[in-house]
Protein backbone atom coordinates (compact mmCIF):
# COMPACT_ATOMS: atom_id res chain seq x y z
CA MET A 1 -7.90 -10.60 23.86
CA LYS A 2 -4.55 -8.80 24.34
CA ASN A 3 -2.60 -11.97 23.60
CA SER A 4 -4.68 -12.54 20.46
CA ALA A 5 -4.05 -8.97 19.22
CA ARG A 6 -0.31 -9.30 19.91
CA GLU A 7 -0.17 -12.66 18.15
CA ASN A 8 -2.03 -11.19 15.18
CA LYS A 9 0.47 -8.31 14.91
CA GLN A 10 3.44 -10.67 15.11
CA MET A 11 2.01 -12.89 12.37
CA VAL A 12 1.38 -9.84 10.19
CA ASP A 13 4.96 -8.68 10.82
CA VAL A 14 6.20 -12.13 9.76
CA LEU A 15 4.22 -11.95 6.50
CA MET A 16 5.36 -8.39 5.75
CA SER A 17 8.98 -9.38 6.43
CA ALA A 18 8.67 -12.48 4.23
CA PHE A 19 7.13 -10.39 1.44
CA GLU A 20 9.57 -7.47 1.57
CA LYS A 21 12.70 -9.57 2.12
CA SER A 22 11.99 -13.02 0.74
CA ALA A 23 14.18 -16.08 1.31
CA GLN A 24 14.87 -15.29 4.95
CA SER A 25 15.94 -17.67 7.70
CA LEU A 26 13.90 -18.02 10.89
CA SER A 27 16.59 -16.08 12.79
CA ALA A 28 16.50 -13.22 10.27
CA ILE A 29 12.70 -12.98 10.48
CA ALA A 30 12.81 -13.11 14.31
CA ASN A 31 15.34 -10.28 14.23
CA ALA A 32 13.20 -8.19 11.84
CA VAL A 33 9.97 -8.80 13.81
CA GLY A 34 11.65 -8.33 17.19
CA VAL A 35 10.58 -11.58 18.89
CA SER A 36 12.44 -14.64 20.18
CA ARG A 37 12.88 -17.71 17.98
CA PRO A 38 10.66 -19.91 20.21
CA THR A 39 7.84 -17.33 20.03
CA LEU A 40 8.26 -16.93 16.29
CA THR A 41 8.26 -20.68 15.65
CA GLY A 42 4.63 -20.99 16.70
CA ARG A 43 3.56 -18.10 14.49
CA VAL A 44 5.44 -19.44 11.47
CA GLU A 45 4.10 -22.97 11.93
CA ARG A 46 0.54 -21.63 11.84
CA LEU A 47 1.23 -19.76 8.61
CA LEU A 48 2.95 -22.78 7.07
CA GLU A 49 -0.01 -25.02 8.00
CA ASP A 50 -2.42 -22.59 6.38
CA GLY A 51 -0.29 -22.46 3.23
CA ILE A 52 0.46 -18.75 2.88
CA LEU A 53 4.10 -19.31 3.89
CA ARG A 54 6.43 -21.96 2.49
CA VAL A 55 9.94 -23.01 3.42
CA ASP A 56 12.66 -24.26 1.05
CA THR A 57 15.27 -26.96 1.63
CA ASN A 58 17.69 -24.37 3.06
CA GLY A 59 15.21 -23.33 5.76
CA ARG A 60 14.40 -20.00 4.13
CA PHE A 61 10.85 -18.65 4.20
CA TRP A 62 8.79 -17.22 1.32
CA ILE A 63 5.24 -16.07 0.68
CA ASN A 64 3.64 -18.93 -1.25
CA GLY A 65 4.01 -18.19 -4.96
CA PHE A 66 0.38 -19.11 -5.66
CA TYR A 67 -0.77 -16.04 -3.71
CA CYS A 68 -1.40 -12.71 -5.36
CA PHE A 69 -2.80 -9.49 -3.97
CA VAL A 70 -5.23 -7.22 -5.80
CA ILE A 71 -5.60 -3.59 -4.76
CA LEU A 72 -8.29 -1.41 -6.31
CA LYS A 73 -7.38 2.26 -5.98
CA ILE A 74 -10.33 4.62 -6.56
CA HIS A 75 -9.41 8.28 -7.01
CA LEU A 76 -11.04 11.47 -8.26
CA LYS A 77 -10.38 10.91 -11.97
CA GLY A 78 -10.73 7.14 -12.19
CA ALA A 79 -9.20 4.02 -10.71
CA GLN A 80 -6.14 1.85 -10.86
CA LEU A 81 -6.14 -1.93 -10.54
CA ILE A 82 -2.90 -3.21 -9.00
CA THR A 83 -1.92 -6.88 -8.95
CA VAL A 84 1.06 -7.98 -6.85
CA PHE A 85 2.38 -11.48 -7.54
CA ALA A 86 4.08 -13.10 -4.53
CA SER A 87 6.13 -15.43 -6.74
CA ASP A 88 8.41 -12.64 -7.96
CA LYS A 89 6.94 -9.53 -6.27
CA ARG A 90 5.94 -8.27 -9.71
CA VAL A 91 3.55 -5.29 -9.72
CA GLU A 92 1.10 -4.86 -12.61
CA ARG A 93 -1.04 -1.73 -12.98
CA ILE A 94 -4.11 -1.08 -15.15
CA ASP A 95 -5.62 2.41 -15.26
CA PHE A 96 -9.31 3.23 -15.81
CA LYS A 97 -10.95 6.61 -16.37
CA ALA A 98 -14.14 7.63 -14.62
CA VAL A 99 -17.21 8.16 -16.81
CA GLU A 100 -18.06 11.86 -16.39
CA SER A 101 -21.81 11.31 -16.81
CA MET A 102 -21.84 8.81 -13.90
CA SER A 103 -21.89 9.63 -10.18
CA GLU A 104 -18.91 8.91 -7.94
CA SER A 105 -20.75 5.95 -6.37
CA ASP A 106 -21.76 4.52 -9.77
CA ASN A 107 -18.19 4.82 -11.02
CA ALA A 108 -16.97 3.07 -7.85
CA ALA A 109 -19.45 0.23 -8.46
CA ARG A 110 -18.23 -0.03 -12.07
CA PHE A 111 -14.60 -0.22 -10.95
CA ALA A 112 -15.53 -2.84 -8.32
CA GLY A 113 -17.15 -4.96 -11.04
CA ILE A 114 -13.99 -4.75 -13.14
CA ALA A 115 -11.89 -5.77 -10.11
CA GLU A 116 -14.15 -8.77 -9.37
CA ARG A 117 -13.88 -10.05 -12.94
CA HIS A 118 -10.10 -9.61 -12.75
CA ILE A 119 -9.98 -11.60 -9.51
CA ASP A 120 -12.11 -14.37 -11.06
CA GLY A 121 -9.63 -14.60 -13.94
CA LEU A 122 -6.69 -14.89 -11.53
CA LYS A 123 -8.45 -17.64 -9.58
CA LYS A 124 -9.07 -19.59 -12.79
CA SER A 125 -5.31 -19.49 -13.31
CA LYS A 126 -4.91 -21.32 -9.96
CA ASN A 127 -3.98 -18.23 -7.95
CA THR A 128 -5.15 -17.61 -4.39
CA VAL A 129 -6.28 -13.98 -4.30
CA LEU A 130 -6.49 -11.58 -1.35
CA SER A 131 -7.76 -8.07 -2.06
CA ALA A 132 -8.23 -4.56 -0.68
CA VAL A 133 -9.65 -1.21 -1.81
CA ILE A 134 -8.09 2.23 -1.34
CA ALA A 135 -10.43 5.20 -1.80
CA ASP A 136 -10.29 8.97 -1.40
CA GLY A 137 -14.05 9.10 -0.87
CA GLU A 138 -16.16 7.24 1.67
CA GLY A 139 -19.38 5.28 1.82
CA PHE A 140 -18.86 3.11 -1.26
CA ILE A 141 -20.98 -0.04 -1.35
CA LEU A 142 -18.53 -2.73 -2.42
CA PRO A 143 -18.91 -6.48 -3.03
CA LYS A 144 -17.99 -8.65 -0.03
CA THR A 145 -15.12 -10.16 -1.97
CA LEU A 146 -13.42 -6.74 -2.02
CA GLY A 147 -14.25 -5.76 1.54
CA ARG A 148 -14.51 -2.25 2.98
CA ALA A 149 -12.74 0.65 1.28
CA GLN A 150 -9.70 1.87 3.20
CA SER A 151 -8.88 5.57 3.54
CA ARG A 152 -5.70 6.56 1.72
CA ARG A 153 -4.94 9.05 4.51
CA GLU A 154 -5.13 6.36 7.22
CA LEU A 155 -3.09 3.86 5.21
CA VAL A 156 -0.30 6.37 4.69
CA GLN A 157 -0.41 7.30 8.37
CA LYS A 158 -0.13 3.62 9.34
CA CYS A 159 3.12 3.23 7.40
CA LEU A 160 4.83 6.45 8.47
CA SER A 161 7.44 6.48 11.19
CA LYS A 162 6.46 7.80 14.62
CA GLU A 163 9.56 10.02 14.60
CA PRO A 164 8.93 13.78 14.91
CA LYS A 165 9.10 14.21 11.16
CA SER A 166 6.81 16.27 8.92
CA VAL A 167 5.61 14.63 5.71
CA LEU A 168 3.71 16.19 2.80
CA TYR A 169 2.02 13.41 0.85
CA LEU A 170 0.73 13.93 -2.69
CA SER A 171 -0.69 11.66 -5.38
CA THR A 172 -0.34 12.37 -9.07
CA ASN A 173 -3.66 10.57 -9.68
CA SER A 174 -5.57 12.46 -7.02
CA PRO A 175 -3.26 15.21 -5.82
CA CYS A 176 -5.09 16.20 -2.64
CA PRO A 177 -2.29 17.07 -0.22
CA HIS A 178 -2.13 15.41 3.20
CA PHE A 179 0.20 16.61 5.93
CA TYR A 180 1.55 14.36 8.67
CA PHE A 181 3.68 14.98 11.74
CA GLY A 182 5.13 12.22 13.91
CA GLY A 183 3.15 9.60 11.98
CA GLU A 184 -0.19 11.34 12.66
CA SER A 185 -2.38 13.13 10.11
CA VAL A 186 -2.65 16.81 11.02
CA GLY A 187 -4.50 18.17 8.00
CA SER A 188 -5.29 18.04 4.31
CA GLY A 189 -6.05 20.49 1.54
CA ARG A 190 -7.90 20.75 -1.72
CA GLY A 191 -6.82 18.85 -4.78
CA VAL A 192 -4.61 20.68 -7.25
CA ARG A 193 -5.13 20.47 -10.98
CA LYS A 194 -1.51 19.85 -11.78
CA LEU A 195 1.44 18.63 -9.78
CA ASP A 196 4.39 20.75 -10.88
CA VAL A 197 7.29 22.75 -9.49
CA GLU A 198 5.32 26.03 -9.36
CA THR A 199 2.60 24.41 -7.25
CA LEU A 200 5.14 22.90 -4.88
CA GLU A 201 7.06 26.17 -4.59
CA SER A 202 3.83 27.86 -3.48
CA ALA A 203 3.26 25.12 -0.92
CA PHE A 204 6.84 25.39 0.35
CA ASP A 205 6.32 29.14 0.88
CA VAL A 206 3.84 28.12 3.59
CA ILE A 207 5.66 25.12 5.05
CA THR A 208 8.66 23.02 4.09
CA PRO A 209 8.27 19.36 5.11
CA ASP A 210 11.12 17.09 6.15
CA LEU A 211 9.87 14.61 3.51
CA LEU A 212 7.93 15.13 0.29
CA ALA A 213 6.30 11.81 -0.62
CA ILE A 214 4.80 11.53 -4.10
CA ASP A 215 2.62 8.53 -4.91
CA GLY A 216 2.85 7.91 -8.63
CA PHE A 217 6.26 9.51 -9.14
CA TYR A 218 6.42 7.52 -12.39
CA ALA A 219 3.60 9.69 -13.76
CA LEU A 220 5.84 12.78 -13.78
CA ASP A 221 7.80 13.38 -16.94
CA ARG A 222 11.58 13.37 -16.74
CA THR A 223 11.84 17.15 -16.81
CA GLY A 224 9.26 17.54 -14.05
CA SER A 225 10.91 14.89 -11.90
CA ALA A 226 14.34 16.52 -12.24
CA ALA A 227 12.92 19.96 -11.42
CA ILE A 228 11.14 18.65 -8.32
CA LYS A 229 14.35 16.90 -7.20
CA ASP A 230 16.25 20.19 -7.60
CA LEU A 231 13.56 22.09 -5.66
CA CYS A 232 13.67 19.63 -2.75
CA LYS A 233 17.45 19.79 -2.65
CA ARG A 234 17.31 23.60 -2.66
CA VAL A 235 14.90 23.83 0.30
CA GLY A 236 16.36 20.88 2.21
CA ALA A 237 13.43 18.47 1.92
CA GLU A 238 13.95 14.75 1.40
CA LEU A 239 12.11 13.37 -1.65
CA TRP A 240 10.47 9.94 -1.89
CA GLY A 241 8.66 8.64 -4.96
CA ASN A 242 7.66 5.23 -6.24
CA GLU A 243 8.22 3.87 -9.73
CA ARG A 244 5.46 2.13 -11.64
CA ASP A 245 6.71 -1.35 -10.70
CA GLU A 246 6.96 -0.49 -6.99
CA LEU A 247 4.35 -0.22 -4.25
CA SER A 248 3.58 3.23 -2.88
CA ILE A 249 3.19 4.03 0.84
CA ASP A 250 -0.60 3.61 0.84
CA GLU A 251 -0.35 0.37 -1.16
CA VAL A 252 2.09 -1.07 1.39
CA GLY A 253 -0.47 -0.06 4.04
CA ALA A 254 -3.22 -1.84 2.08
CA LEU A 255 -1.06 -4.98 1.84
CA ARG A 256 -0.60 -4.90 5.61
CA ARG A 257 -4.37 -4.60 6.05
CA ILE A 258 -4.81 -7.62 3.76
CA PHE A 259 -2.45 -9.61 5.99
CA GLU A 260 -4.25 -8.36 9.14
CA ARG A 261 -7.61 -9.60 7.87
CA TYR A 262 -6.04 -12.89 6.81
CA CYS A 263 -4.48 -13.49 10.24
CA GLU A 264 -7.75 -12.58 12.01
CA ARG A 265 -9.44 -15.37 10.07
CA ILE A 266 -6.93 -18.08 10.99
CA LEU A 267 -6.45 -17.16 14.68
């Protein structure tokens, strides 16, 4: 069992490395994953046989361009449907608002239906689709094609460094603050109505994190972004934020979970 779990992790590391830094040689991937070339060769051959990896004439490895990854992100005010195309690592986002007269579960079911139709359309275009769901709430009944909803808090935690660093994580779609230390979640608070400098200044009066991570940094207007950058510089906090065509921390975590489930199936 231990060998199987280790092999699974190494294969996932290979896929993440191939996705994040495409067109890599076997030596470069072995270096990034931290295993020997002979060990890596077996992992790569399995992924090549299954078709998710491909190799070009120069011996460089890529995620097969026919693969795309769909992430459904359900938050307090609605949902976002994210499609990541392996061919050029392009990220497409479509936003949906929740229907106020519907319950949280009914809205989740509605968003899941939209995601399934989207996936069907991608498959008709000859894409191979792997999917995941990120949700703030729990207990959603989702179609088997989408799988179980993953907790945003746990996905962020999975991607954070184990260094003794404090991280305040906020989302502009569902700005419920989560606080992490050393890669572990140590608490969360209530959602705020608006993510602005005044709100952050109040938070920083209580605690100043080493890193302020904002998911959906693109949603802030230019003035707000500049003011938040100035605030972080003033208090000595590092600022991280993703643009609309980039994956956020929790989305990277969801992609890793997609690869984990994929590798479990082929082992």
